[in-house]
Protein backbone atom coordinates (compact mmCIF):
# COMPACT_ATOMS: atom_id res chain seq x y z
CA THR A 1 107.48 75.60 89.80
CA ASP A 2 111.48 75.74 88.87
CA ILE A 3 112.96 72.37 87.38
CA ILE A 4 116.55 71.37 86.26
CA SER A 5 117.91 73.11 83.14
CA ASP A 6 116.78 71.49 79.78
CA GLY A 7 116.57 72.76 76.10
CA ILE A 8 114.48 75.42 74.48
CA PRO A 9 113.17 74.61 71.12
CA LEU A 10 112.09 77.81 69.43
CA GLY A 11 108.45 78.55 70.41
CA GLY A 12 108.81 76.85 73.54
CA ILE A 13 106.37 78.13 76.42
CA GLN A 14 107.59 78.44 79.63
CA ILE A 15 105.42 79.35 82.82
CA SER A 16 107.77 81.38 85.08
CA SER A 17 107.63 81.53 88.49
CA ASP A 18 104.88 84.30 88.66
CA GLY A 19 102.53 82.37 86.45
CA LYS A 20 102.70 83.93 83.21
CA PRO A 21 103.79 82.48 79.90
CA ILE A 22 106.77 83.23 78.44
CA VAL A 23 107.26 82.20 74.44
CA MET A 24 110.81 81.77 73.11
CA LEU A 25 111.62 83.12 70.09
CA ALA A 26 115.41 83.07 68.05
CA ASP A 27 117.08 85.32 70.78
CA ARG A 28 116.09 82.69 73.83
CA GLN A 29 119.16 80.74 75.84
CA THR A 30 119.94 77.70 75.06
CA THR A 31 118.72 75.99 78.12
CA GLY A 32 116.14 77.40 81.11
CA GLY A 33 114.77 75.93 84.01
CA TYR A 34 111.24 76.96 84.44
CA ALA A 35 108.92 74.59 83.80
CA LYS A 36 107.40 74.00 80.03
CA MET A 37 104.38 73.51 79.42
CA ALA A 38 103.60 73.38 74.68
CA VAL A 39 105.45 74.55 71.81
CA VAL A 40 103.97 77.08 69.25
CA ILE A 41 103.64 75.25 66.06
CA SER A 42 106.72 76.36 63.23
CA ALA A 43 103.40 77.61 61.09
CA ASP A 44 102.85 80.08 63.36
CA ILE A 45 105.61 81.00 64.68
CA ARG A 46 106.28 83.79 62.30
CA LEU A 47 102.81 84.98 63.26
CA LEU A 48 103.90 85.26 66.47
CA ALA A 49 107.36 86.49 66.25
CA GLN A 50 104.98 90.06 64.71
CA ARG A 51 103.70 90.81 68.03
CA ARG A 52 104.44 93.31 70.26
CA PRO A 53 105.96 92.96 73.69
CA GLY A 54 102.78 92.89 76.32
CA GLU A 55 100.31 91.78 73.60
CA ARG A 56 97.63 89.11 74.33
CA ILE A 57 97.40 86.49 72.58
CA ARG A 58 95.40 82.84 72.64
CA PHE A 59 96.93 79.42 72.39
CA GLN A 60 94.58 76.42 71.10
CA ARG A 61 95.80 72.98 70.97
CA ALA A 62 96.67 71.27 67.82
CA SER A 63 97.34 67.34 67.08
CA LEU A 64 100.72 66.66 65.63
CA GLY A 65 99.47 65.79 61.93
CA ALA A 66 97.12 69.87 62.69
CA ALA A 67 101.28 70.96 63.61
CA ARG A 68 102.20 68.79 60.14
CA ARG A 69 99.46 70.42 57.55
CA ALA A 70 99.70 73.57 58.68
CA TYR A 71 103.48 73.08 58.70
CA LEU A 72 103.69 71.67 55.19
CA ARG A 73 100.89 74.61 53.80
CA GLU A 74 102.77 77.55 55.33
CA ARG A 75 105.65 75.49 53.29
CA LYS A 76 103.88 75.41 50.24
CA GLU A 77 102.99 79.18 50.57
CA ARG A 78 106.14 80.29 51.12
CA GLN A 79 108.12 78.41 48.08
CA TRP A 80 105.47 79.91 45.92
CA THR A 81 105.98 83.62 47.00
CA THR A 82 109.83 83.62 47.24
CA ALA A 83 110.48 81.59 43.50
CA PRO A 84 112.48 83.24 41.13
């Protein structure tokens, strides 16, 4: 159901009134009124951004610790590939 409008984080997953998930990326609005069910972990945002509209994706629950480890691993890989 619709809720009072509040902030929308990068990767926020909203559920529209017809029950379909909407993942909010860089072009998202700053606030919104749909219910939010989860947030995509930051390490997976770049992978999600490469998907085509309408392409099926599967969500998997991640603990805070797993999300942190994925972030640190992705950050380390990014530093390795962008080092001069």
